[in-house]
PDB file of N, CA and C in Angstrom:
ATOM      1  N   TYR A   1     -19.131  -7.728  11.569  1.00  0.00           N
ATOM      2  CA  TYR A   1     -19.584  -6.653  10.726  1.00  0.00           C
ATOM      3  C   TYR A   1     -19.550  -7.033   9.258  1.00  0.00           C
ATOM      4  N   ALA A   2     -19.106  -8.198   8.946  1.00  0.00           N
ATOM      5  CA  ALA A   2     -19.046  -8.663   7.562  1.00  0.00           C
ATOM      6  C   ALA A   2     -19.656 -10.059   7.487  1.00  0.00           C
ATOM      7  N   PRO A   3     -20.143 -10.420   6.320  1.00  0.00           N
ATOM      8  CA  PRO A   3     -20.676 -11.782   6.180  1.00  0.00           C
ATOM      9  C   PRO A   3     -19.610 -12.819   6.541  1.00  0.00           C
ATOM     10  N   VAL A   4     -20.027 -13.906   7.104  1.00  0.00           N
ATOM     11  CA  VAL A   4     -19.105 -14.958   7.538  1.00  0.00           C
ATOM     12  C   VAL A   4     -18.944 -15.985   6.420  1.00  0.00           C
ATOM     13  N   PHE A   5     -17.704 -16.357   6.157  1.00  0.00           N
ATOM     14  CA  PHE A   5     -17.443 -17.379   5.156  1.00  0.00           C
ATOM     15  C   PHE A   5     -17.858 -18.741   5.704  1.00  0.00           C
ATOM     16  N   PRO A   6     -18.569 -19.512   4.916  1.00  0.00           N
ATOM     17  CA  PRO A   6     -18.888 -20.872   5.355  1.00  0.00           C
ATOM     18  C   PRO A   6     -17.634 -21.747   5.320  1.00  0.00           C
ATOM     19  N   VAL A   7     -17.672 -22.832   6.052  1.00  0.00           N
ATOM     20  CA  VAL A   7     -16.532 -23.758   6.077  1.00  0.00           C
ATOM     21  C   VAL A   7     -16.306 -24.320   4.678  1.00  0.00           C
ATOM     22  N   ASN A   8     -17.387 -24.708   4.024  1.00  0.00           N
ATOM     23  CA  ASN A   8     -17.304 -25.147   2.631  1.00  0.00           C
ATOM     24  C   ASN A   8     -18.638 -24.846   1.954  1.00  0.00           C
ATOM     25  N   PHE A   9     -18.650 -24.935   0.655  1.00  0.00           N
ATOM     26  CA  PHE A   9     -19.835 -24.613  -0.130  1.00  0.00           C
ATOM     27  C   PHE A   9     -20.437 -25.902  -0.679  1.00  0.00           C
ATOM     28  N   GLY A  10     -21.743 -25.898  -0.865  1.00  0.00           N
ATOM     29  CA  GLY A  10     -22.418 -27.074  -1.390  1.00  0.00           C
ATOM     30  C   GLY A  10     -22.126 -27.326  -2.854  1.00  0.00           C
ATOM     31  N   SER A  11     -21.822 -26.251  -3.580  1.00  0.00           N
ATOM     32  CA  SER A  11     -21.553 -26.394  -5.016  1.00  0.00           C
ATOM     33  C   SER A  11     -20.804 -25.166  -5.500  1.00  0.00           C
ATOM     34  N   LEU A  12     -20.330 -25.239  -6.728  1.00  0.00           N
ATOM     35  CA  LEU A  12     -19.663 -24.094  -7.338  1.00  0.00           C
ATOM     36  C   LEU A  12     -20.634 -22.922  -7.447  1.00  0.00           C
ATOM     37  N   ALA A  13     -21.875 -23.201  -7.767  1.00  0.00           N
ATOM     38  CA  ALA A  13     -22.889 -22.144  -7.869  1.00  0.00           C
ATOM     39  C   ALA A  13     -23.087 -21.461  -6.520  1.00  0.00           C
ATOM     40  N   ASP A  14     -23.083 -22.233  -5.432  1.00  0.00           N
ATOM     41  CA  ASP A  14     -23.204 -21.655  -4.089  1.00  0.00           C
ATOM     42  C   ASP A  14     -22.018 -20.738  -3.785  1.00  0.00           C
ATOM     43  N   ALA A  15     -20.829 -21.180  -4.138  1.00  0.00           N
ATOM     44  CA  ALA A  15     -19.624 -20.382  -3.897  1.00  0.00           C
ATOM     45  C   ALA A  15     -19.666 -19.084  -4.702  1.00  0.00           C
ATOM     46  N   ARG A  16     -20.083 -19.170  -5.938  1.00  0.00           N
ATOM     47  CA  ARG A  16     -20.170 -17.967  -6.783  1.00  0.00           C
ATOM     48  C   ARG A  16     -21.215 -16.992  -6.245  1.00  0.00           C
ATOM     49  N   ALA A  17     -22.355 -17.505  -5.818  1.00  0.00           N
ATOM     50  CA  ALA A  17     -23.407 -16.643  -5.269  1.00  0.00           C
ATOM     51  C   ALA A  17     -22.917 -15.945  -4.001  1.00  0.00           C
ATOM     52  N   PHE A  18     -22.240 -16.707  -3.140  1.00  0.00           N
ATOM     53  CA  PHE A  18     -21.697 -16.119  -1.927  1.00  0.00           C
ATOM     54  C   PHE A  18     -20.671 -15.035  -2.271  1.00  0.00           C
ATOM     55  N   GLY A  19     -19.749 -15.359  -3.178  1.00  0.00           N
ATOM     56  CA  GLY A  19     -18.716 -14.409  -3.569  1.00  0.00           C
ATOM     57  C   GLY A  19     -19.292 -13.136  -4.155  1.00  0.00           C
ATOM     58  N   GLU A  20     -20.306 -13.263  -4.969  1.00  0.00           N
ATOM     59  CA  GLU A  20     -20.939 -12.088  -5.568  1.00  0.00           C
ATOM     60  C   GLU A  20     -21.515 -11.172  -4.489  1.00  0.00           C
ATOM     61  N   THR A  21     -22.189 -11.754  -3.528  1.00  0.00           N
ATOM     62  CA  THR A  21     -22.764 -10.964  -2.436  1.00  0.00           C
ATOM     63  C   THR A  21     -21.674 -10.365  -1.560  1.00  0.00           C
ATOM     64  N   PHE A  22     -20.717 -11.202  -1.164  1.00  0.00           N
ATOM     65  CA  PHE A  22     -19.665 -10.733  -0.274  1.00  0.00           C
ATOM     66  C   PHE A  22     -18.830  -9.626  -0.910  1.00  0.00           C
ATOM     67  N   PHE A  23     -18.356  -9.833  -2.126  1.00  0.00           N
ATOM     68  CA  PHE A  23     -17.477  -8.838  -2.733  1.00  0.00           C
ATOM     69  C   PHE A  23     -18.225  -7.565  -3.115  1.00  0.00           C
ATOM     70  N   GLY A  24     -19.499  -7.670  -3.425  1.00  0.00           N
ATOM     71  CA  GLY A  24     -20.296  -6.463  -3.640  1.00  0.00           C
ATOM     72  C   GLY A  24     -20.344  -5.619  -2.375  1.00  0.00           C
ATOM     73  N   TYR A  25     -20.623  -6.285  -1.254  1.00  0.00           N
ATOM     74  CA  TYR A  25     -20.635  -5.596   0.041  1.00  0.00           C
ATOM     75  C   TYR A  25     -19.252  -5.026   0.367  1.00  0.00           C
ATOM     76  N   TYR A  26     -18.238  -5.859   0.267  1.00  0.00           N
ATOM     77  CA  TYR A  26     -16.886  -5.476   0.667  1.00  0.00           C
ATOM     78  C   TYR A  26     -16.368  -4.292  -0.149  1.00  0.00           C
ATOM     79  N   ASN A  27     -16.621  -4.290  -1.431  1.00  0.00           N
ATOM     80  CA  ASN A  27     -16.082  -3.247  -2.301  1.00  0.00           C
ATOM     81  C   ASN A  27     -16.915  -1.979  -2.351  1.00  0.00           C
ATOM     82  N   HIS A  28     -18.229  -2.075  -2.116  1.00  0.00           N
ATOM     83  CA  HIS A  28     -19.094  -0.915  -2.320  1.00  0.00           C
ATOM     84  C   HIS A  28     -19.781  -0.391  -1.067  1.00  0.00           C
ATOM     85  N   GLU A  29     -19.760  -1.139   0.036  1.00  0.00           N
ATOM     86  CA  GLU A  29     -20.448  -0.695   1.250  1.00  0.00           C
ATOM     87  C   GLU A  29     -19.529  -0.582   2.462  1.00  0.00           C
ATOM     88  N   HIS A  30     -18.650  -1.548   2.644  1.00  0.00           N
ATOM     89  CA  HIS A  30     -17.795  -1.582   3.827  1.00  0.00           C
ATOM     90  C   HIS A  30     -16.776  -0.459   3.783  1.00  0.00           C
ATOM     91  N   ARG A  31     -16.721   0.329   4.849  1.00  0.00           N
ATOM     92  CA  ARG A  31     -15.774   1.433   4.940  1.00  0.00           C
ATOM     93  C   ARG A  31     -14.523   0.941   5.672  1.00  0.00           C
ATOM     94  N   HIS A  32     -13.366   1.145   5.062  1.00  0.00           N
ATOM     95  CA  HIS A  32     -12.106   0.622   5.575  1.00  0.00           C
ATOM     96  C   HIS A  32     -11.325   1.703   6.319  1.00  0.00           C
ATOM     97  N   SER A  33     -10.930   1.411   7.538  1.00  0.00           N
ATOM     98  CA  SER A  33     -10.184   2.390   8.329  1.00  0.00           C
ATOM     99  C   SER A  33      -8.830   2.706   7.699  1.00  0.00           C
ATOM    100  N   GLY A  34      -8.231   1.757   7.027  1.00  0.00           N
ATOM    101  CA  GLY A  34      -6.915   1.967   6.426  1.00  0.00           C
ATOM    102  C   GLY A  34      -6.919   2.897   5.224  1.00  0.00           C
ATOM    103  N   ILE A  35      -8.092   3.180   4.679  1.00  0.00           N
ATOM    104  CA  ILE A  35      -8.182   4.088   3.526  1.00  0.00           C
ATOM    105  C   ILE A  35      -9.164   5.227   3.830  1.00  0.00           C
ATOM    106  N   GLY A  36      -9.085   5.727   5.067  1.00  0.00           N
ATOM    107  CA  GLY A  36      -9.856   6.910   5.442  1.00  0.00           C
ATOM    108  C   GLY A  36     -11.351   6.691   5.518  1.00  0.00           C
ATOM    109  N   LEU A  37     -11.772   5.494   5.860  1.00  0.00           N
ATOM    110  CA  LEU A  37     -13.190   5.121   5.930  1.00  0.00           C
ATOM    111  C   LEU A  37     -13.911   5.305   4.596  1.00  0.00           C
ATOM    112  N   HIS A  38     -13.161   5.081   3.522  1.00  0.00           N
ATOM    113  CA  HIS A  38     -13.740   5.038   2.183  1.00  0.00           C
ATOM    114  C   HIS A  38     -13.957   3.584   1.802  1.00  0.00           C
ATOM    115  N   THR A  39     -14.744   3.365   0.776  1.00  0.00           N
ATOM    116  CA  THR A  39     -14.890   2.016   0.246  1.00  0.00           C
ATOM    117  C   THR A  39     -13.770   1.783  -0.772  1.00  0.00           C
ATOM    118  N   PRO A  40     -13.394   0.529  -0.994  1.00  0.00           N
ATOM    119  CA  PRO A  40     -12.393   0.262  -2.026  1.00  0.00           C
ATOM    120  C   PRO A  40     -12.839   0.782  -3.400  1.00  0.00           C
ATOM    121  N   ALA A  41     -14.120   0.685  -3.706  1.00  0.00           N
ATOM    122  CA  ALA A  41     -14.609   1.167  -5.002  1.00  0.00           C
ATOM    123  C   ALA A  41     -14.429   2.675  -5.125  1.00  0.00           C
ATOM    124  N   SER A  42     -14.692   3.416  -4.055  1.00  0.00           N
ATOM    125  CA  SER A  42     -14.531   4.861  -4.086  1.00  0.00           C
ATOM    126  C   SER A  42     -13.078   5.248  -4.351  1.00  0.00           C
ATOM    127  N   VAL A  43     -12.166   4.551  -3.711  1.00  0.00           N
ATOM    128  CA  VAL A  43     -10.747   4.825  -3.935  1.00  0.00           C
ATOM    129  C   VAL A  43     -10.356   4.420  -5.357  1.00  0.00           C
ATOM    130  N   HIS A  44     -10.777   3.247  -5.780  1.00  0.00           N
ATOM    131  CA  HIS A  44     -10.418   2.740  -7.102  1.00  0.00           C
ATOM    132  C   HIS A  44     -10.928   3.641  -8.218  1.00  0.00           C
ATOM    133  N   PHE A  45     -12.163   4.096  -8.098  1.00  0.00           N
ATOM    134  CA  PHE A  45     -12.763   4.908  -9.161  1.00  0.00           C
ATOM    135  C   PHE A  45     -12.493   6.395  -9.018  1.00  0.00           C
ATOM    136  N   GLY A  46     -11.734   6.797  -7.998  1.00  0.00           N
ATOM    137  CA  GLY A  46     -11.302   8.179  -7.865  1.00  0.00           C
ATOM    138  C   GLY A  46     -12.334   9.132  -7.273  1.00  0.00           C
ATOM    139  N   THR A  47     -13.337   8.624  -6.584  1.00  0.00           N
ATOM    140  CA  THR A  47     -14.346   9.509  -6.003  1.00  0.00           C
ATOM    141  C   THR A  47     -14.085   9.815  -4.529  1.00  0.00           C
ATOM    142  N   ALA A  48     -13.004   9.282  -3.966  1.00  0.00           N
ATOM    143  CA  ALA A  48     -12.714   9.497  -2.544  1.00  0.00           C
ATOM    144  C   ALA A  48     -12.542  10.980  -2.225  1.00  0.00           C
ATOM    145  N   GLY A  49     -11.938  11.731  -3.095  1.00  0.00           N
ATOM    146  CA  GLY A  49     -11.767  13.177  -2.873  1.00  0.00           C
ATOM    147  C   GLY A  49     -13.092  13.902  -2.776  1.00  0.00           C
ATOM    148  N   GLN A  50     -14.023  13.543  -3.641  1.00  0.00           N
ATOM    149  CA  GLN A  50     -15.357  14.155  -3.596  1.00  0.00           C
ATOM    150  C   GLN A  50     -16.082  13.770  -2.317  1.00  0.00           C
ATOM    151  N   VAL A  51     -15.963  12.515  -1.921  1.00  0.00           N
ATOM    152  CA  VAL A  51     -16.596  12.048  -0.682  1.00  0.00           C
ATOM    153  C   VAL A  51     -16.010  12.805   0.497  1.00  0.00           C
ATOM    154  N   ARG A  52     -14.692  12.949   0.529  1.00  0.00           N
ATOM    155  CA  ARG A  52     -14.019  13.659   1.616  1.00  0.00           C
ATOM    156  C   ARG A  52     -14.478  15.116   1.673  1.00  0.00           C
ATOM    157  N   ALA A  53     -14.612  15.762   0.523  1.00  0.00           N
ATOM    158  CA  ALA A  53     -15.075  17.156   0.480  1.00  0.00           C
ATOM    159  C   ALA A  53     -16.508  17.270   1.006  1.00  0.00           C
ATOM    160  N   GLN A  54     -17.370  16.335   0.634  1.00  0.00           N
ATOM    161  CA  GLN A  54     -18.754  16.366   1.113  1.00  0.00           C
ATOM    162  C   GLN A  54     -18.808  16.106   2.616  1.00  0.00           C
ATOM    163  N   ARG A  55     -17.966  15.231   3.110  1.00  0.00           N
ATOM    164  CA  ARG A  55     -17.898  14.999   4.555  1.00  0.00           C
ATOM    165  C   ARG A  55     -17.530  16.282   5.280  1.00  0.00           C
ATOM    166  N   GLN A  56     -16.581  17.041   4.718  1.00  0.00           N
ATOM    167  CA  GLN A  56     -16.155  18.288   5.358  1.00  0.00           C
ATOM    168  C   GLN A  56     -17.283  19.311   5.359  1.00  0.00           C
ATOM    169  N   VAL A  57     -18.051  19.384   4.275  1.00  0.00           N
ATOM    170  CA  VAL A  57     -19.204  20.288   4.229  1.00  0.00           C
ATOM    171  C   VAL A  57     -20.183  19.930   5.346  1.00  0.00           C
ATOM    172  N   THR A  58     -20.442  18.642   5.514  1.00  0.00           N
ATOM    173  CA  THR A  58     -21.355  18.182   6.556  1.00  0.00           C
ATOM    174  C   THR A  58     -20.819  18.512   7.949  1.00  0.00           C
ATOM    175  N   LEU A  59     -19.524  18.281   8.172  1.00  0.00           N
ATOM    176  CA  LEU A  59     -18.929  18.605   9.470  1.00  0.00           C
ATOM    177  C   LEU A  59     -18.954  20.106   9.738  1.00  0.00           C
ATOM    178  N   ASP A  60     -18.675  20.908   8.726  1.00  0.00           N
ATOM    179  CA  ASP A  60     -18.716  22.365   8.896  1.00  0.00           C
ATOM    180  C   ASP A  60     -20.116  22.839   9.270  1.00  0.00           C
ATOM    181  N   ALA A  61     -21.124  22.270   8.632  1.00  0.00           N
ATOM    182  CA  ALA A  61     -22.515  22.634   8.946  1.00  0.00           C
ATOM    183  C   ALA A  61     -22.875  22.216  10.368  1.00  0.00           C
ATOM    184  N   ALA A  62     -22.439  21.046  10.770  1.00  0.00           N
ATOM    185  CA  ALA A  62     -22.713  20.580  12.133  1.00  0.00           C
ATOM    186  C   ALA A  62     -22.018  21.473  13.154  1.00  0.00           C
ATOM    187  N   TYR A  63     -20.784  21.857  12.858  1.00  0.00           N
ATOM    188  CA  TYR A  63     -20.057  22.732  13.776  1.00  0.00           C
ATOM    189  C   TYR A  63     -20.740  24.091  13.875  1.00  0.00           C
ATOM    190  N   THR A  64     -21.173  24.640  12.750  1.00  0.00           N
ATOM    191  CA  THR A  64     -21.845  25.937  12.744  1.00  0.00           C
ATOM    192  C   THR A  64     -23.141  25.876  13.551  1.00  0.00           C
ATOM    193  N   ALA A  65     -23.875  24.795  13.401  1.00  0.00           N
ATOM    194  CA  ALA A  65     -25.157  24.656  14.096  1.00  0.00           C
ATOM    195  C   ALA A  65     -24.980  24.368  15.587  1.00  0.00           C
ATOM    196  N   HIS A  66     -23.944  23.628  15.967  1.00  0.00           N
ATOM    197  CA  HIS A  66     -23.759  23.200  17.365  1.00  0.00           C
ATOM    198  C   HIS A  66     -22.280  23.171  17.743  1.00  0.00           C
ATOM    199  N   PRO A  67     -21.627  24.314  17.835  1.00  0.00           N
ATOM    200  CA  PRO A  67     -20.186  24.315  18.143  1.00  0.00           C
ATOM    201  C   PRO A  67     -19.869  23.716  19.516  1.00  0.00           C
ATOM    202  N   GLU A  68     -20.840  23.746  20.416  1.00  0.00           N
ATOM    203  CA  GLU A  68     -20.604  23.196  21.758  1.00  0.00           C
ATOM    204  C   GLU A  68     -20.351  21.697  21.740  1.00  0.00           C
ATOM    205  N   ARG A  69     -20.798  21.017  20.736  1.00  0.00           N
ATOM    206  CA  ARG A  69     -20.585  19.574  20.625  1.00  0.00           C
ATOM    207  C   ARG A  69     -19.151  19.202  20.276  1.00  0.00           C
ATOM    208  N   PHE A  70     -18.385  20.179  19.818  1.00  0.00           N
ATOM    209  CA  PHE A  70     -17.035  19.895  19.340  1.00  0.00           C
ATOM    210  C   PHE A  70     -15.947  20.282  20.336  1.00  0.00           C
ATOM    211  N   GLY A  71     -16.312  20.800  21.489  1.00  0.00           N
ATOM    212  CA  GLY A  71     -15.325  21.148  22.497  1.00  0.00           C
ATOM    213  C   GLY A  71     -14.385  22.226  22.008  1.00  0.00           C
ATOM    214  N   HIS A  72     -13.122  22.111  22.366  1.00  0.00           N
ATOM    215  CA  HIS A  72     -12.140  23.137  21.980  1.00  0.00           C
ATOM    216  C   HIS A  72     -11.141  22.599  20.965  1.00  0.00           C
ATOM    217  N   ARG A  73     -11.570  21.674  20.147  1.00  0.00           N
ATOM    218  CA  ARG A  73     -10.670  21.084  19.162  1.00  0.00           C
ATOM    219  C   ARG A  73     -10.506  21.987  17.977  1.00  0.00           C
TER     220      ARG A  73
END
């Protein structure tokens, strides 16, 4: 689910290009289970609370529209 690190890089420029792509993905796109499926950037910049609130709005709307999908939880 994440880019694979090469065994070695052809040059310093190759390593920097790889790192830029990898860390951009890792920090801004990849959702981490250890931090509530937030991105590290969301936690770092303090937007995780807003994301969590929006997730709850979405779940509430889904429950209202289709309560049968949620069982008796």
